[in-house]
């Protein structure tokens, strides 16, 4: 190998390395921007909580909301499983759209109570970033996409785990409410 060939190989290696560094830098910046853009709302929520401005529902209302939410969640889980099994969400899209609207309205009411019972996984946050451009938790990741096909296509093999994390959080929250009521009734 002559000096010209070595110089060309060296230059190509440098340009490839710079290209890879540029890609990694862009990805890191995008992730940092997503985290920073989510901070103001998180900070506002925390300040409201510190000041005592959160709306606390009585335990009986929490139980009623949880029961209704759980029924809708199970319908959503069934739709997602059916469409994933069929590898096509089109037949169930209308029902998904209806459920999605309801869940999007109800989730902010139950989220402050459910968050303590959710197991966190980075795949849930990444799914939200890919679909809606902001981080999501396991529950919200199940209905943040516009279509069932989008959920299946962008899943990345984490759908069953995401469903189980969300369902487990609902179970644990229900157990917490039952225990709380038992302890305060006696």
Protein backbone atom coordinates (compact mmCIF):
# COMPACT_ATOMS: atom_id res chain seq x y z
CA UNK A 1 0.00 0.00 0.00
CA UNK A 2 1.48 3.28 -1.12
CA UNK A 3 1.49 6.57 0.77
CA UNK A 4 -1.42 7.95 -1.28
CA UNK A 5 -3.60 4.91 -0.51
CA UNK A 6 -2.71 5.17 3.19
CA UNK A 7 -3.58 8.86 3.23
CA UNK A 8 -6.90 8.18 1.47
CA UNK A 9 -7.74 5.36 3.94
CA UNK A 10 -6.79 7.59 6.86
CA UNK A 11 -8.97 10.46 5.55
CA UNK A 12 -11.92 8.11 4.98
CA UNK A 13 -11.57 6.78 8.52
CA UNK A 14 -11.60 10.30 9.93
CA UNK A 15 -14.65 11.33 7.90
CA UNK A 16 -16.53 8.15 8.92
CA UNK A 17 -15.64 8.76 12.58
CA UNK A 18 -16.78 12.38 12.36
CA UNK A 19 -20.02 11.27 10.73
CA UNK A 20 -20.68 8.76 13.54
CA UNK A 21 -19.85 11.34 16.19
CA UNK A 22 -22.28 13.75 14.50
CA UNK A 23 -25.08 11.18 14.58
CA UNK A 24 -24.47 10.31 18.23
CA UNK A 25 -24.33 13.99 19.09
CA UNK A 26 -27.65 14.67 17.33
CA UNK A 27 -29.34 11.75 19.13
CA UNK A 28 -28.00 12.94 22.47
CA UNK A 29 -29.21 16.48 21.80
CA UNK A 30 -32.69 15.23 20.80
CA UNK A 31 -32.95 13.18 24.00
CA UNK A 32 -31.76 16.12 26.10
CA UNK A 33 -34.28 18.46 24.44
CA UNK A 34 -37.09 15.96 25.12
CA UNK A 35 -36.16 15.74 28.79
CA UNK A 36 -35.76 19.50 29.13
CA UNK A 37 -39.06 20.19 27.37
CA UNK A 38 -40.84 17.82 29.78
CA UNK A 39 -39.29 19.50 32.82
CA UNK A 40 -41.45 22.66 32.98
CA UNK A 41 -44.69 20.68 33.30
CA UNK A 42 -43.12 18.28 35.79
CA UNK A 43 -41.80 21.19 37.83
CA UNK A 44 -45.17 22.96 37.72
CA UNK A 45 -46.92 19.79 38.92
CA UNK A 46 -44.42 19.38 41.75
CA UNK A 47 -44.77 23.01 42.86
CA UNK A 48 -48.57 22.71 42.85
CA UNK A 49 -48.25 19.58 44.96
CA UNK A 50 -45.87 21.27 47.42
CA UNK A 51 -48.28 24.17 47.76
CA UNK A 52 -51.19 21.78 48.32
CA UNK A 53 -53.01 22.71 45.11
CA UNK A 54 -53.59 19.17 43.90
CA UNK A 55 -57.15 18.01 43.61
CA UNK A 56 -57.52 15.08 45.94
CA UNK A 57 -60.42 12.77 45.27
CA UNK A 58 -62.09 11.00 48.18
CA UNK A 59 -61.15 7.32 48.33
CA UNK A 60 -64.62 6.17 47.26
CA UNK A 61 -64.43 8.37 44.16
CA UNK A 62 -60.95 7.01 43.46
CA UNK A 63 -62.34 3.47 43.63
CA UNK A 64 -65.19 4.32 41.27
CA UNK A 65 -62.81 6.00 38.85
CA UNK A 66 -60.42 3.05 39.04
CA UNK A 67 -63.21 0.54 38.33
CA UNK A 68 -64.41 2.49 35.30
CA UNK A 69 -60.87 3.09 34.09
CA UNK A 70 -59.98 -0.59 34.51
CA UNK A 71 -62.96 -1.67 32.39
CA UNK A 72 -61.85 0.63 29.57
CA UNK A 73 -58.24 -0.48 29.98
CA UNK A 74 -59.19 -4.14 29.55
CA UNK A 75 -61.10 -3.28 26.37
CA UNK A 76 -58.00 -1.46 25.09
CA UNK A 77 -55.74 -4.40 25.98
CA UNK A 78 -58.05 -6.77 24.12
CA UNK A 79 -58.06 -4.53 21.04
CA UNK A 80 -54.28 -4.24 21.06
CA UNK A 81 -53.83 -8.00 21.43
CA UNK A 82 -56.35 -8.78 18.69
CA UNK A 83 -54.77 -6.34 16.26
CA UNK A 84 -51.24 -7.54 17.08
CA UNK A 85 -52.32 -11.16 16.54
CA UNK A 86 -53.95 -10.24 13.21
CA UNK A 87 -51.01 -7.93 12.35
CA UNK A 88 -53.58 -5.38 11.21
CA UNK A 89 -55.39 -2.84 13.35
CA UNK A 90 -57.80 -1.60 10.71
CA UNK A 91 -60.84 -3.69 11.78
CA UNK A 92 -60.56 -2.38 15.34
CA UNK A 93 -59.51 1.19 14.59
CA UNK A 94 -62.91 2.79 15.18
CA UNK A 95 -63.25 1.17 18.61
CA UNK A 96 -59.64 2.11 19.44
CA UNK A 97 -60.31 5.75 18.54
CA UNK A 98 -63.34 5.83 20.85
CA UNK A 99 -61.44 4.19 23.72
CA UNK A 100 -58.41 6.40 23.15
CA UNK A 101 -60.48 9.57 23.50
CA UNK A 102 -62.01 8.34 26.75
CA UNK A 103 -58.65 7.24 28.18
CA UNK A 104 -57.00 10.54 27.22
CA UNK A 105 -59.70 12.42 29.15
CA UNK A 106 -59.67 10.09 32.17
CA UNK A 107 -55.96 9.43 32.55
CA UNK A 108 -55.00 12.86 33.93
CA UNK A 109 -57.49 12.31 36.78
CA UNK A 110 -56.11 8.90 37.77
CA UNK A 111 -52.46 9.48 36.87
CA UNK A 112 -51.40 11.20 40.14
CA UNK A 113 -52.65 8.18 42.08
CA UNK A 114 -51.48 5.51 39.64
CA UNK A 115 -47.94 6.83 39.13
CA UNK A 116 -46.75 5.50 42.48
CA UNK A 117 -47.75 1.98 41.42
CA UNK A 118 -46.24 1.99 37.90
CA UNK A 119 -42.97 0.21 37.23
CA UNK A 120 -40.83 2.41 35.01
CA UNK A 121 -39.15 1.13 31.88
CA UNK A 122 -37.13 3.18 29.38
CA UNK A 123 -38.94 1.52 26.47
CA UNK A 124 -42.18 3.27 27.51
CA UNK A 125 -40.51 6.67 27.44
CA UNK A 126 -38.83 5.91 24.11
CA UNK A 127 -42.14 4.76 22.61
CA UNK A 128 -43.75 8.06 23.58
CA UNK A 129 -40.82 10.01 22.14
CA UNK A 130 -41.12 8.11 18.85
CA UNK A 131 -44.88 8.44 18.53
CA UNK A 132 -45.88 11.77 20.10
CA UNK A 133 -42.54 13.46 20.71
CA UNK A 134 -42.70 13.42 24.51
CA UNK A 135 -41.99 10.85 27.21
CA UNK A 136 -44.81 8.58 28.34
CA UNK A 137 -45.25 5.98 31.05
CA UNK A 138 -46.40 2.39 30.45
CA UNK A 139 -50.10 3.29 30.68
CA UNK A 140 -50.03 6.35 28.47
CA UNK A 141 -47.82 4.59 25.90
CA UNK A 142 -50.70 2.19 25.21
CA UNK A 143 -52.99 4.93 23.88
CA UNK A 144 -50.68 7.75 22.80
CA UNK A 145 -50.45 6.56 19.18
CA UNK A 146 -53.10 7.68 16.71
CA UNK A 147 -53.70 4.20 15.30
CA UNK A 148 -53.43 0.58 16.37
CA UNK A 149 -51.16 -0.08 13.40
CA UNK A 150 -48.77 2.55 14.74
CA UNK A 151 -48.69 0.82 18.14
CA UNK A 152 -47.87 -2.52 16.52
CA UNK A 153 -45.38 -1.13 14.01
CA UNK A 154 -43.40 1.04 16.46
CA UNK A 155 -43.59 -1.35 19.42
CA UNK A 156 -40.10 -2.79 19.28
CA UNK A 157 -41.04 -6.02 21.08
CA UNK A 158 -42.09 -4.36 24.35
CA UNK A 159 -45.88 -4.45 24.00
CA UNK A 160 -46.60 -7.44 26.25
CA UNK A 161 -44.33 -6.07 28.98
CA UNK A 162 -45.96 -2.65 28.67
CA UNK A 163 -49.44 -4.16 29.01
CA UNK A 164 -48.33 -6.15 32.05
CA UNK A 165 -46.74 -3.11 33.74
CA UNK A 166 -49.90 -1.07 33.21
CA UNK A 167 -52.21 -3.86 34.39
CA UNK A 168 -50.02 -4.53 37.45
CA UNK A 169 -50.14 -0.85 38.38
CA UNK A 170 -53.94 -0.91 38.24
CA UNK A 171 -53.99 -4.05 40.44
CA UNK A 172 -51.58 -2.55 42.97
CA UNK A 173 -53.52 0.71 43.10
CA UNK A 174 -56.75 -1.24 43.69
CA UNK A 175 -55.06 -3.26 46.44
CA UNK A 176 -53.83 -0.05 48.03
CA UNK A 177 -57.33 1.43 48.05
CA UNK A 178 -58.82 -1.76 49.55
CA UNK A 179 -56.16 -1.83 52.27
CA UNK A 180 -56.65 1.85 53.00
CA UNK A 181 -60.40 1.42 53.36
CA UNK A 182 -60.02 -1.67 55.56
CA UNK A 183 -57.62 0.13 57.88
CA UNK A 184 -59.77 3.25 58.15
CA UNK A 185 -63.10 1.44 58.56
CA UNK A 186 -62.01 -0.40 61.69
